[in-house]
Amino acid sequence: MKIGIANDSAIAVEALRRALRLRPQHEVVWVARDGAEAVALCAKETPDLLLMDLVMPVMDGVAATQRIMADTPCAILVVTVSVDANTSRVFDAMGYGAIDAVDTPGVTTGMTEANATPFFKKIDMLARLVGTRRFIPAADTFSDTWVITRRERLVAIGASAGGPAALAILLAGLPQDFPAAIVIVQHVDERFAPGMAEWLSRDSKLPVRLAEEGSRPKAGTVLLAAPTTI
């Protein structure tokens, strides 16, 4: 794959380069030092995959993701020093079309194949998806989201890449007295599911809760199912 990197940290960029050298089938085609430069470089040479940091000068990763997905869509993986410390921004970026998120490999532990495993797991998954248009949705395109209603007044929603933005818009438009239970299955790393429930709750008039063993759908409540594997 041809890979672009958007990151203002020289240490993080070098860590990503070292990691990608372990997989010679991938090529770093350019490096942007801020979000605005990433937008410009994507327009000039759109990569197969963009590794997007979140906190950058001039334009942050969330705003850059929004611009890129609107103008020159490509697969975007959020790569930041700590995903857990930036959960809200991660889901904002996913809301605009970023597909997944992972910690920057090797910044604090040194680069080895073993400690880069989570990073390569995401890269390998995206490598299988690159080139399939439906996995690179624009921020205003939600063709991969299906809503199914039943007479029992249960709304089941399944979503993959691009789903968070569609879900946020949908839930924000529902009234507080919505007469059906809602269950959501979103393609998201189990680690991020609690943060996603909080993120979706920001604009929803309905409570959004993470589904647990024994949870039962109730009218006026949204249950988010966290997959155990991705």
C-alpha atoms as a PDB file:
ATOM      1  CA  MET A   1       0.000   0.000   0.000  1.00  0.00           C
ATOM      2  CA  LYS A   2       0.982   3.602  -0.545  1.00  0.00           C
ATOM      3  CA  ILE A   3       0.809   5.249   2.878  1.00  0.00           C
ATOM      4  CA  GLY A   4       0.704   8.899   3.921  1.00  0.00           C
ATOM      5  CA  ILE A   5       1.604  10.082   7.429  1.00  0.00           C
ATOM      6  CA  ALA A   6       0.153  13.187   9.086  1.00  0.00           C
ATOM      7  CA  ASN A   7       2.038  13.892  12.315  1.00  0.00           C
ATOM      8  CA  ASP A   8       3.972  16.890  13.628  1.00  0.00           C
ATOM      9  CA  SER A   9       6.179  14.815  15.957  1.00  0.00           C
ATOM     10  CA  ALA A  10       9.503  13.802  14.440  1.00  0.00           C
ATOM     11  CA  ILE A  11       9.781  11.004  17.007  1.00  0.00           C
ATOM     12  CA  ALA A  12       6.350   9.593  16.105  1.00  0.00           C
ATOM     13  CA  VAL A  13       7.061   9.848  12.363  1.00  0.00           C
ATOM     14  CA  GLU A  14      10.320   7.955  12.777  1.00  0.00           C
ATOM     15  CA  ALA A  15       8.568   5.310  14.880  1.00  0.00           C
ATOM     16  CA  LEU A  16       5.990   4.825  12.137  1.00  0.00           C
ATOM     17  CA  ARG A  17       8.687   4.640   9.474  1.00  0.00           C
ATOM     18  CA  ARG A  18      10.583   2.009  11.500  1.00  0.00           C
ATOM     19  CA  ALA A  19       7.420  -0.022  11.935  1.00  0.00           C
ATOM     20  CA  LEU A  20       6.531   0.104   8.253  1.00  0.00           C
ATOM     21  CA  ARG A  21      10.062  -0.986   7.280  1.00  0.00           C
ATOM     22  CA  LEU A  22       9.177  -4.305   8.892  1.00  0.00           C
ATOM     23  CA  ARG A  23       6.563  -4.731   6.155  1.00  0.00           C
ATOM     24  CA  PRO A  24       8.322  -3.873   2.862  1.00  0.00           C
ATOM     25  CA  GLN A  25       5.091  -4.218   0.866  1.00  0.00           C
ATOM     26  CA  HIS A  26       4.104  -0.797   2.244  1.00  0.00           C
ATOM     27  CA  GLU A  27       5.586   2.475   0.989  1.00  0.00           C
ATOM     28  CA  VAL A  28       5.519   5.860   2.730  1.00  0.00           C
ATOM     29  CA  VAL A  29       4.761   8.305  -0.096  1.00  0.00           C
ATOM     30  CA  TRP A  30       4.656  11.517   1.933  1.00  0.00           C
ATOM     31  CA  VAL A  31       4.699  13.007   5.434  1.00  0.00           C
ATOM     32  CA  ALA A  32       2.584  16.023   6.465  1.00  0.00           C
ATOM     33  CA  ARG A  33       3.534  18.043   9.533  1.00  0.00           C
ATOM     34  CA  ASP A  34       0.018  19.403  10.146  1.00  0.00           C
ATOM     35  CA  GLY A  35      -3.554  18.762   9.106  1.00  0.00           C
ATOM     36  CA  ALA A  36      -3.656  21.478   6.455  1.00  0.00           C
ATOM     37  CA  GLU A  37      -0.585  20.032   4.748  1.00  0.00           C
ATOM     38  CA  ALA A  38      -2.208  16.586   4.862  1.00  0.00           C
ATOM     39  CA  VAL A  39      -5.296  17.956   3.083  1.00  0.00           C
ATOM     40  CA  ALA A  40      -3.119  19.515   0.381  1.00  0.00           C
ATOM     41  CA  LEU A  41      -0.979  16.409  -0.093  1.00  0.00           C
ATOM     42  CA  CYS A  42      -4.044  14.156  -0.282  1.00  0.00           C
ATOM     43  CA  ALA A  43      -5.379  16.332  -3.084  1.00  0.00           C
ATOM     44  CA  LYS A  44      -2.044  16.077  -4.902  1.00  0.00           C
ATOM     45  CA  GLU A  45      -1.377  12.374  -4.307  1.00  0.00           C
ATOM     46  CA  THR A  46      -4.146  10.450  -2.554  1.00  0.00           C
ATOM     47  CA  PRO A  47      -2.611   7.515  -0.637  1.00  0.00           C
ATOM     48  CA  ASP A  48      -4.171   4.105  -0.156  1.00  0.00           C
ATOM     49  CA  LEU A  49      -4.005   4.688   3.596  1.00  0.00           C
ATOM     50  CA  LEU A  50      -3.422   7.787   5.720  1.00  0.00           C
ATOM     51  CA  LEU A  51      -2.028   7.461   9.253  1.00  0.00           C
ATOM     52  CA  MET A  52      -3.591  10.478  10.962  1.00  0.00           C
ATOM     53  CA  ASP A  53      -2.476  12.008  14.252  1.00  0.00           C
ATOM     54  CA  LEU A  54      -5.067  13.960  16.229  1.00  0.00           C
ATOM     55  CA  VAL A  55      -3.196  16.856  17.859  1.00  0.00           C
ATOM     56  CA  MET A  56      -1.361  18.958  15.269  1.00  0.00           C
ATOM     57  CA  PRO A  57      -0.807  22.676  14.624  1.00  0.00           C
ATOM     58  CA  VAL A  58      -2.653  24.749  11.994  1.00  0.00           C
ATOM     59  CA  MET A  59      -5.371  22.099  11.551  1.00  0.00           C
ATOM     60  CA  ASP A  60      -5.918  19.148  13.879  1.00  0.00           C
ATOM     61  CA  GLY A  61      -6.550  15.572  12.801  1.00  0.00           C
ATOM     62  CA  VAL A  62     -10.311  15.749  13.252  1.00  0.00           C
ATOM     63  CA  ALA A  63     -10.708  18.782  10.984  1.00  0.00           C
ATOM     64  CA  ALA A  64      -8.250  17.307   8.478  1.00  0.00           C
ATOM     65  CA  THR A  65     -10.207  14.044   8.398  1.00  0.00           C
ATOM     66  CA  GLN A  66     -13.413  15.968   7.722  1.00  0.00           C
ATOM     67  CA  ARG A  67     -11.830  17.893   4.834  1.00  0.00           C
ATOM     68  CA  ILE A  68     -10.129  14.878   3.285  1.00  0.00           C
ATOM     69  CA  MET A  69     -13.218  12.674   3.428  1.00  0.00           C
ATOM     70  CA  ALA A  70     -15.253  15.431   1.800  1.00  0.00           C
ATOM     71  CA  ASP A  71     -12.739  16.249  -0.950  1.00  0.00           C
ATOM     72  CA  THR A  72     -10.395  13.315  -1.652  1.00  0.00           C
ATOM     73  CA  PRO A  73     -11.599  10.317   0.378  1.00  0.00           C
ATOM     74  CA  CYS A  74      -9.141   7.623   1.386  1.00  0.00           C
ATOM     75  CA  ALA A  75      -8.829   5.059   4.160  1.00  0.00           C
ATOM     76  CA  ILE A  76      -7.792   6.859   7.369  1.00  0.00           C
ATOM     77  CA  LEU A  77      -6.366   5.170  10.464  1.00  0.00           C
ATOM     78  CA  VAL A  78      -6.028   7.410  13.520  1.00  0.00           C
ATOM     79  CA  VAL A  79      -2.565   6.821  15.019  1.00  0.00           C
ATOM     80  CA  THR A  80      -1.858   8.772  18.184  1.00  0.00           C
ATOM     81  CA  VAL A  81       0.382   8.397  21.234  1.00  0.00           C
ATOM     82  CA  SER A  82      -2.569   7.465  23.458  1.00  0.00           C
ATOM     83  CA  VAL A  83      -5.959   6.536  22.062  1.00  0.00           C
ATOM     84  CA  ASP A  84      -7.348   6.255  25.602  1.00  0.00           C
ATOM     85  CA  ALA A  85      -6.360   9.851  26.390  1.00  0.00           C
ATOM     86  CA  ASN A  86      -8.037  11.135  23.223  1.00  0.00           C
ATOM     87  CA  THR A  87     -11.230   9.066  23.101  1.00  0.00           C
ATOM     88  CA  SER A  88     -13.546  11.959  22.276  1.00  0.00           C
ATOM     89  CA  ARG A  89     -11.347  13.152  19.414  1.00  0.00           C
ATOM     90  CA  VAL A  90     -10.991   9.598  18.124  1.00  0.00           C
ATOM     91  CA  PHE A  91     -14.761   9.280  17.765  1.00  0.00           C
ATOM     92  CA  ASP A  92     -15.049  12.752  16.286  1.00  0.00           C
ATOM     93  CA  ALA A  93     -12.587  11.622  13.600  1.00  0.00           C
ATOM     94  CA  MET A  94     -14.451   8.345  13.122  1.00  0.00           C
ATOM     95  CA  GLY A  95     -17.627  10.366  12.832  1.00  0.00           C
ATOM     96  CA  TYR A  96     -16.110  12.036   9.773  1.00  0.00           C
ATOM     97  CA  GLY A  97     -15.021   8.747   8.226  1.00  0.00           C
ATOM     98  CA  ALA A  98     -11.807   7.518   9.887  1.00  0.00           C
ATOM     99  CA  ILE A  99     -12.029   3.734   9.998  1.00  0.00           C
ATOM    100  CA  ASP A 100     -10.178   2.813  13.181  1.00  0.00           C
ATOM    101  CA  ALA A 101      -7.608   3.967  15.744  1.00  0.00           C
ATOM    102  CA  VAL A 102      -4.440   2.616  17.335  1.00  0.00           C
ATOM    103  CA  ASP A 103      -1.624   3.805  19.603  1.00  0.00           C
ATOM    104  CA  THR A 104       1.610   4.895  17.889  1.00  0.00           C
ATOM    105  CA  PRO A 105       3.903   1.851  18.025  1.00  0.00           C
ATOM    106  CA  GLY A 106       7.365   1.911  19.528  1.00  0.00           C
ATOM    107  CA  VAL A 107       7.417   5.481  20.883  1.00  0.00           C
ATOM    108  CA  THR A 108       7.978   4.463  24.509  1.00  0.00           C
ATOM    109  CA  THR A 109       8.942   0.787  24.189  1.00  0.00           C
ATOM    110  CA  GLY A 110      11.239   0.592  21.176  1.00  0.00           C
ATOM    111  CA  MET A 111      10.327  -0.946  17.849  1.00  0.00           C
ATOM    112  CA  THR A 112       9.968  -4.715  17.608  1.00  0.00           C
ATOM    113  CA  GLU A 113       7.608  -6.927  15.641  1.00  0.00           C
ATOM    114  CA  ALA A 114       5.995  -7.984  18.929  1.00  0.00           C
ATOM    115  CA  ASN A 115       5.168  -4.553  20.346  1.00  0.00           C
ATOM    116  CA  ALA A 116       4.002  -3.372  16.912  1.00  0.00           C
ATOM    117  CA  THR A 117       1.462  -6.216  16.691  1.00  0.00           C
ATOM    118  CA  PRO A 118      -1.647  -4.062  17.460  1.00  0.00           C
ATOM    119  CA  PHE A 119      -0.529  -1.561  14.812  1.00  0.00           C
ATOM    120  CA  PHE A 120       0.071  -4.251  12.189  1.00  0.00           C
ATOM    121  CA  LYS A 121      -3.261  -5.900  13.004  1.00  0.00           C
ATOM    122  CA  LYS A 122      -5.020  -2.676  12.005  1.00  0.00           C
ATOM    123  CA  ILE A 123      -2.775  -2.166   8.957  1.00  0.00           C
ATOM    124  CA  ASP A 124      -3.348  -5.723   7.730  1.00  0.00           C
ATOM    125  CA  MET A 125      -7.117  -5.361   8.124  1.00  0.00           C
ATOM    126  CA  LEU A 126      -7.144  -2.107   6.178  1.00  0.00           C
ATOM    127  CA  ALA A 127      -4.857  -3.543   3.500  1.00  0.00           C
ATOM    128  CA  ARG A 128      -7.558  -6.124   2.790  1.00  0.00           C
ATOM    129  CA  LEU A 129     -10.193  -3.405   2.521  1.00  0.00           C
ATOM    130  CA  VAL A 130      -8.313  -0.810   0.472  1.00  0.00           C
ATOM    131  CA  GLY A 131      -9.659  -0.565  -3.047  1.00  0.00           C
ATOM    132  CA  THR A 132     -13.189  -1.520  -2.022  1.00  0.00           C
ATOM    133  CA  ARG A 133     -15.081   1.755  -2.284  1.00  0.00           C
ATOM    134  CA  ARG A 134     -17.698   0.896   0.302  1.00  0.00           C
ATOM    135  CA  PHE A 135     -15.036   0.902   3.008  1.00  0.00           C
ATOM    136  CA  ILE A 136     -14.016   4.499   2.245  1.00  0.00           C
ATOM    137  CA  PRO A 137     -17.214   6.466   2.914  1.00  0.00           C
ATOM    138  CA  ALA A 138     -17.461  10.220   2.623  1.00  0.00           C
ATOM    139  CA  ALA A 139     -18.727  12.000   5.725  1.00  0.00           C
ATOM    140  CA  ASP A 140     -22.163  12.540   4.142  1.00  0.00           C
ATOM    141  CA  THR A 141     -22.523   9.025   2.678  1.00  0.00           C
ATOM    142  CA  PHE A 142     -24.012   6.344   4.899  1.00  0.00           C
ATOM    143  CA  SER A 143     -24.758   3.545   2.428  1.00  0.00           C
ATOM    144  CA  ASP A 144     -23.236   0.945   4.759  1.00  0.00           C
ATOM    145  CA  THR A 145     -25.761   1.592   7.538  1.00  0.00           C
ATOM    146  CA  TRP A 146     -28.931  -0.450   7.675  1.00  0.00           C
ATOM    147  CA  VAL A 147     -31.933   0.290   9.887  1.00  0.00           C
ATOM    148  CA  ILE A 148     -34.483  -2.466  10.451  1.00  0.00           C
ATOM    149  CA  THR A 149     -37.762  -1.913  12.247  1.00  0.00           C
ATOM    150  CA  ARG A 150     -40.101  -4.626  13.531  1.00  0.00           C
ATOM    151  CA  ARG A 151     -43.661  -4.753  14.805  1.00  0.00           C
ATOM    152  CA  GLU A 152     -42.243  -5.463  18.253  1.00  0.00           C
ATOM    153  CA  ARG A 153     -40.945  -1.887  18.206  1.00  0.00           C
ATOM    154  CA  LEU A 154     -37.313  -2.807  18.173  1.00  0.00           C
ATOM    155  CA  VAL A 155     -34.951  -0.861  15.929  1.00  0.00           C
ATOM    156  CA  ALA A 156     -31.756  -2.773  15.098  1.00  0.00           C
ATOM    157  CA  ILE A 157     -28.925  -0.843  13.438  1.00  0.00           C
ATOM    158  CA  GLY A 158     -25.747  -2.355  12.030  1.00  0.00           C
ATOM    159  CA  ALA A 159     -22.926  -0.075  10.940  1.00  0.00           C
ATOM    160  CA  SER A 160     -19.344  -0.357   9.776  1.00  0.00           C
ATOM    161  CA  ALA A 161     -16.918   2.244   8.441  1.00  0.00           C
ATOM    162  CA  GLY A 162     -18.554   5.664   8.423  1.00  0.00           C
ATOM    163  CA  GLY A 163     -21.199   4.479  10.872  1.00  0.00           C
ATOM    164  CA  PRO A 164     -20.463   6.763  13.835  1.00  0.00           C
ATOM    165  CA  ALA A 165     -21.412   9.911  11.911  1.00  0.00           C
ATOM    166  CA  ALA A 166     -24.656   8.351  10.692  1.00  0.00           C
ATOM    167  CA  LEU A 167     -25.502   7.097  14.178  1.00  0.00           C
ATOM    168  CA  ALA A 168     -24.854  10.486  15.770  1.00  0.00           C
ATOM    169  CA  ILE A 169     -27.150  12.227  13.264  1.00  0.00           C
ATOM    170  CA  LEU A 170     -29.845   9.586  13.618  1.00  0.00           C
ATOM    171  CA  LEU A 171     -29.896   9.580  17.428  1.00  0.00           C
ATOM    172  CA  ALA A 172     -29.815  13.379  17.607  1.00  0.00           C
ATOM    173  CA  GLY A 173     -33.015  13.473  15.546  1.00  0.00           C
ATOM    174  CA  LEU A 174     -35.029  11.085  17.705  1.00  0.00           C
ATOM    175  CA  PRO A 175     -37.435  12.478  20.345  1.00  0.00           C
ATOM    176  CA  GLN A 176     -37.078  11.724  24.029  1.00  0.00           C
ATOM    177  CA  ASP A 177     -40.351   9.742  23.941  1.00  0.00           C
ATOM    178  CA  PHE A 178     -39.276   7.511  21.032  1.00  0.00           C
ATOM    179  CA  PRO A 179     -41.588   4.473  21.386  1.00  0.00           C
ATOM    180  CA  ALA A 180     -39.134   1.692  20.461  1.00  0.00           C
ATOM    181  CA  ALA A 181     -36.015   0.081  21.854  1.00  0.00           C
ATOM    182  CA  ILE A 182     -32.838   0.602  19.836  1.00  0.00           C
ATOM    183  CA  VAL A 183     -29.925  -1.825  19.559  1.00  0.00           C
ATOM    184  CA  ILE A 184     -26.761  -0.803  17.708  1.00  0.00           C
ATOM    185  CA  VAL A 185     -23.989  -3.068  16.479  1.00  0.00           C
ATOM    186  CA  GLN A 186     -21.091  -0.919  15.278  1.00  0.00           C
ATOM    187  CA  HIS A 187     -17.836  -2.253  13.840  1.00  0.00           C
ATOM    188  CA  VAL A 188     -15.515  -0.858  16.501  1.00  0.00           C
ATOM    189  CA  ASP A 189     -12.668  -2.193  18.586  1.00  0.00           C
ATOM    190  CA  GLU A 190     -14.005  -3.501  21.909  1.00  0.00           C
ATOM    191  CA  ARG A 191     -11.540  -1.192  23.661  1.00  0.00           C
ATOM    192  CA  PHE A 192     -13.278   1.885  22.234  1.00  0.00           C
ATOM    193  CA  ALA A 193     -16.886   0.808  22.772  1.00  0.00           C
ATOM    194  CA  PRO A 194     -17.428   2.518  26.184  1.00  0.00           C
ATOM    195  CA  GLY A 195     -16.055   5.773  24.799  1.00  0.00           C
ATOM    196  CA  MET A 196     -18.289   5.495  21.776  1.00  0.00           C
ATOM    197  CA  ALA A 197     -21.378   5.110  23.974  1.00  0.00           C
ATOM    198  CA  GLU A 198     -20.407   8.343  25.769  1.00  0.00           C
ATOM    199  CA  TRP A 199     -19.686  10.076  22.453  1.00  0.00           C
ATOM    200  CA  LEU A 200     -23.089   9.126  21.019  1.00  0.00           C
ATOM    201  CA  SER A 201     -24.783  10.339  24.214  1.00  0.00           C
ATOM    202  CA  ARG A 202     -23.568  13.903  23.684  1.00  0.00           C
ATOM    203  CA  ASP A 203     -26.353  14.895  21.275  1.00  0.00           C
ATOM    204  CA  SER A 204     -28.859  12.107  21.881  1.00  0.00           C
ATOM    205  CA  LYS A 205     -32.068  12.750  23.829  1.00  0.00           C
ATOM    206  CA  LEU A 206     -32.154   9.006  24.532  1.00  0.00           C
ATOM    207  CA  PRO A 207     -29.733   7.367  26.968  1.00  0.00           C
ATOM    208  CA  VAL A 208     -27.012   5.378  25.205  1.00  0.00           C
ATOM    209  CA  ARG A 209     -25.637   2.472  27.220  1.00  0.00           C
ATOM    210  CA  LEU A 210     -23.084  -0.224  26.537  1.00  0.00           C
ATOM    211  CA  ALA A 211     -24.813  -3.609  26.318  1.00  0.00           C
ATOM    212  CA  GLU A 212     -23.750  -6.127  28.952  1.00  0.00           C
ATOM    213  CA  GLU A 213     -24.621  -9.756  29.533  1.00  0.00           C
ATOM    214  CA  GLY A 214     -28.288  -9.903  30.492  1.00  0.00           C
ATOM    215  CA  SER A 215     -29.142  -6.453  29.092  1.00  0.00           C
ATOM    216  CA  ARG A 216     -32.684  -6.257  27.672  1.00  0.00           C
ATOM    217  CA  PRO A 217     -33.820  -3.703  25.085  1.00  0.00           C
ATOM    218  CA  LYS A 218     -36.260  -1.134  26.494  1.00  0.00           C
ATOM    219  CA  ALA A 219     -38.309   1.487  24.720  1.00  0.00           C
ATOM    220  CA  GLY A 220     -36.602   4.857  24.789  1.00  0.00           C
ATOM    221  CA  THR A 221     -33.165   3.344  25.431  1.00  0.00           C
ATOM    222  CA  VAL A 222     -30.218   2.738  23.112  1.00  0.00           C
ATOM    223  CA  LEU A 223     -27.988  -0.308  23.667  1.00  0.00           C
ATOM    224  CA  LEU A 224     -24.584  -0.378  21.968  1.00  0.00           C
ATOM    225  CA  ALA A 225     -23.247  -3.900  21.492  1.00  0.00           C
ATOM    226  CA  ALA A 226     -19.464  -4.174  21.772  1.00  0.00           C
ATOM    227  CA  PRO A 227     -18.032  -6.981  19.655  1.00  0.00           C
ATOM    228  CA  THR A 228     -15.516  -9.201  21.433  1.00  0.00           C
ATOM    229  CA  THR A 229     -13.377  -9.462  18.296  1.00  0.00           C
ATOM    230  CA  ILE A 230     -12.882  -7.307  15.220  1.00  0.00           C
END
